[in-house]
Protein backbone atom coordinates (compact mmCIF):
# COMPACT_ATOMS: atom_id res chain seq x y z
CA MET A 1 0.02 0.00 -0.03
CA LYS A 2 1.30 3.45 -0.90
CA ARG A 3 2.07 5.91 1.91
CA SER A 4 -0.50 8.31 0.45
CA GLU A 5 -3.20 5.53 0.79
CA ALA A 6 -2.16 4.74 4.24
CA ARG A 7 -2.35 8.39 5.22
CA GLU A 8 -5.83 8.67 3.77
CA ARG A 9 -6.98 5.62 5.77
CA THR A 10 -5.25 7.12 8.83
CA PHE A 11 -7.25 10.31 8.27
CA ILE A 12 -10.50 8.19 8.07
CA ILE A 13 -9.70 6.62 11.42
CA LEU A 14 -8.58 9.98 12.99
CA PHE A 15 -12.04 11.52 11.96
CA GLN A 16 -13.63 9.20 14.59
CA TYR A 17 -11.57 10.80 17.43
CA ASP A 18 -14.02 13.55 18.30
CA PHE A 19 -17.00 11.15 18.19
CA ASP A 20 -15.74 8.11 20.19
CA GLU A 21 -14.78 8.68 23.87
CA ASP A 22 -13.06 5.27 23.80
CA PHE A 23 -11.24 6.09 20.61
CA LEU A 24 -7.76 4.62 21.70
CA ILE A 25 -9.37 1.52 23.17
CA ASN A 26 -11.12 0.95 19.81
CA LEU A 27 -8.16 1.81 17.67
CA ASP A 28 -7.34 -1.74 16.68
CA ASP A 29 -10.86 -2.25 15.61
CA TYR A 30 -10.63 0.91 13.35
CA LEU A 31 -7.38 -0.35 11.96
CA ALA A 32 -8.98 -3.64 11.16
CA ARG A 33 -12.04 -2.01 9.65
CA GLU A 34 -9.70 -0.09 7.27
CA HIS A 35 -7.82 -3.32 6.38
CA LEU A 36 -4.51 -1.98 7.76
CA THR A 37 -1.84 -4.60 8.58
CA GLY A 38 1.95 -4.77 9.05
CA ALA A 39 3.85 -1.64 8.37
CA THR A 40 0.91 0.27 7.30
CA ALA A 41 -0.94 -0.48 10.50
CA ASN A 42 2.07 0.59 12.41
CA TYR A 43 2.27 3.83 10.60
CA ALA A 44 -1.28 4.59 11.24
CA LYS A 45 -1.19 3.51 14.88
CA ASN A 46 1.92 5.47 15.69
CA THR A 47 0.65 8.50 13.85
CA ILE A 48 -2.80 8.42 15.64
CA LYS A 49 -1.19 7.77 19.02
CA GLY A 50 1.28 10.59 18.37
CA ILE A 51 -1.60 13.06 17.53
CA VAL A 52 -3.64 12.07 20.51
CA GLU A 53 -0.62 12.51 22.74
CA ASN A 54 0.13 15.88 21.35
CA ILE A 55 -3.39 16.96 20.75
CA ASP A 56 -2.99 20.29 22.75
CA PHE A 57 0.02 21.33 20.80
CA ILE A 58 -1.54 20.38 17.44
CA ASP A 59 -4.80 22.03 18.19
CA GLY A 60 -2.91 25.08 19.54
CA ILE A 61 -1.06 25.38 16.11
CA ILE A 62 -4.31 25.10 14.33
CA SER A 63 -6.17 27.58 16.52
CA LYS A 64 -3.42 30.12 16.31
CA TYR A 65 -3.73 30.24 12.47
CA LEU A 66 -7.42 30.36 12.25
CA VAL A 67 -8.63 33.76 11.26
CA ASN A 68 -11.88 34.90 13.01
CA TRP A 69 -12.79 31.31 13.72
CA GLN A 70 -12.53 28.69 16.46
CA ILE A 71 -11.43 25.04 16.04
CA ASP A 72 -14.63 23.66 17.54
CA ARG A 73 -16.64 25.45 14.79
CA LEU A 74 -14.71 23.85 11.98
CA ASN A 75 -15.91 20.89 9.81
CA LYS A 76 -14.72 17.82 11.52
CA THR A 77 -13.28 16.58 8.20
CA ASP A 78 -11.03 19.70 8.19
CA VAL A 79 -10.00 19.26 11.80
CA ALA A 80 -8.89 15.65 11.12
CA VAL A 81 -6.92 16.68 7.93
CA LEU A 82 -5.28 19.49 9.81
CA ARG A 83 -4.43 17.47 12.83
CA LEU A 84 -2.82 14.90 10.67
CA ALA A 85 -0.79 17.43 8.59
CA VAL A 86 0.34 19.38 11.64
CA TYR A 87 1.53 16.22 13.27
CA GLU A 88 3.42 15.22 10.10
CA ILE A 89 4.94 18.71 9.67
CA PHE A 90 5.96 19.34 13.26
CA LEU A 91 6.32 16.11 15.01
CA ASN A 92 7.28 13.51 12.29
CA ASP A 93 10.58 13.94 10.61
CA GLU A 94 9.97 10.88 8.31
CA ILE A 95 7.51 12.80 6.22
CA PRO A 96 8.72 15.74 4.01
CA ASP A 97 6.78 18.97 5.01
CA LYS A 98 5.71 19.74 1.48
CA VAL A 99 4.32 16.08 1.00
CA ALA A 100 2.22 16.43 4.19
CA ILE A 101 0.88 19.77 3.09
CA ASN A 102 0.08 18.63 -0.51
CA GLU A 103 -1.61 15.50 0.65
CA ALA A 104 -3.58 17.22 3.34
CA ILE A 105 -4.95 19.46 0.55
CA GLU A 106 -5.90 16.52 -1.64
CA ILE A 107 -7.74 14.72 1.21
CA ALA A 108 -9.57 18.00 2.11
CA LYS A 109 -10.81 18.38 -1.52
CA LYS A 110 -11.75 14.70 -1.74
CA TYR A 111 -13.68 14.49 1.60
CA ASN A 112 -15.07 17.97 1.62
CA ASP A 113 -14.61 20.28 -1.37
CA ALA A 114 -12.33 22.51 -3.36
CA LYS A 115 -12.84 25.44 -0.82
CA ALA A 116 -11.63 23.12 2.00
CA GLY A 117 -8.42 22.52 0.02
CA VAL A 118 -7.86 26.22 -0.30
CA PHE A 119 -8.62 26.61 3.48
CA VAL A 120 -6.31 23.81 4.48
CA ASN A 121 -3.51 24.99 2.15
CA GLY A 122 -3.68 28.61 3.59
CA LEU A 123 -3.60 27.49 7.25
CA LEU A 124 -0.90 25.00 6.83
CA ASP A 125 1.19 27.38 4.72
CA ARG A 126 0.96 30.12 7.28
CA ALA A 127 1.77 27.70 10.25
CA TYR A 128 4.62 26.16 8.33
CA LYS A 129 6.18 29.53 7.35
CA ASN A 130 5.74 31.14 10.72
CA GLU A 131 6.46 28.20 13.11
CA LYS A 132 8.62 25.79 11.19
CA LEU A 133 10.80 27.78 8.84
CA LYS A 134 11.61 30.45 11.39
CA LYS A 135 12.90 27.77 13.79
CA ASP A 136 14.90 25.76 11.25
């Protein structure tokens, strides 16, 4: 399975986070439902656990770059896409930042619409330039 497909399935699982109070307990069930095994399941599980463990940092980055908006008012699809991308950009050195951004845009367009892709691109671009590039 290609990494982009694994990322998309990870996004699908991550989408459930805000709806399932036992999300981490049920994580293996979600992985099975998405037919993730082996290295792909490890990527998804490690990524999701990393996001959950760093949710305050990740949501803080997202909130910081929302313009006249609050994270709890965003479409849950966009929240899941942004959480995944912010994690990959700031906390996972295995994924090139530009790949994380570009794939987040594509997932947002596929599961929401073209405007979501523009929104995700704008937020991630600002966060990347202001938080990541200034520190590197």
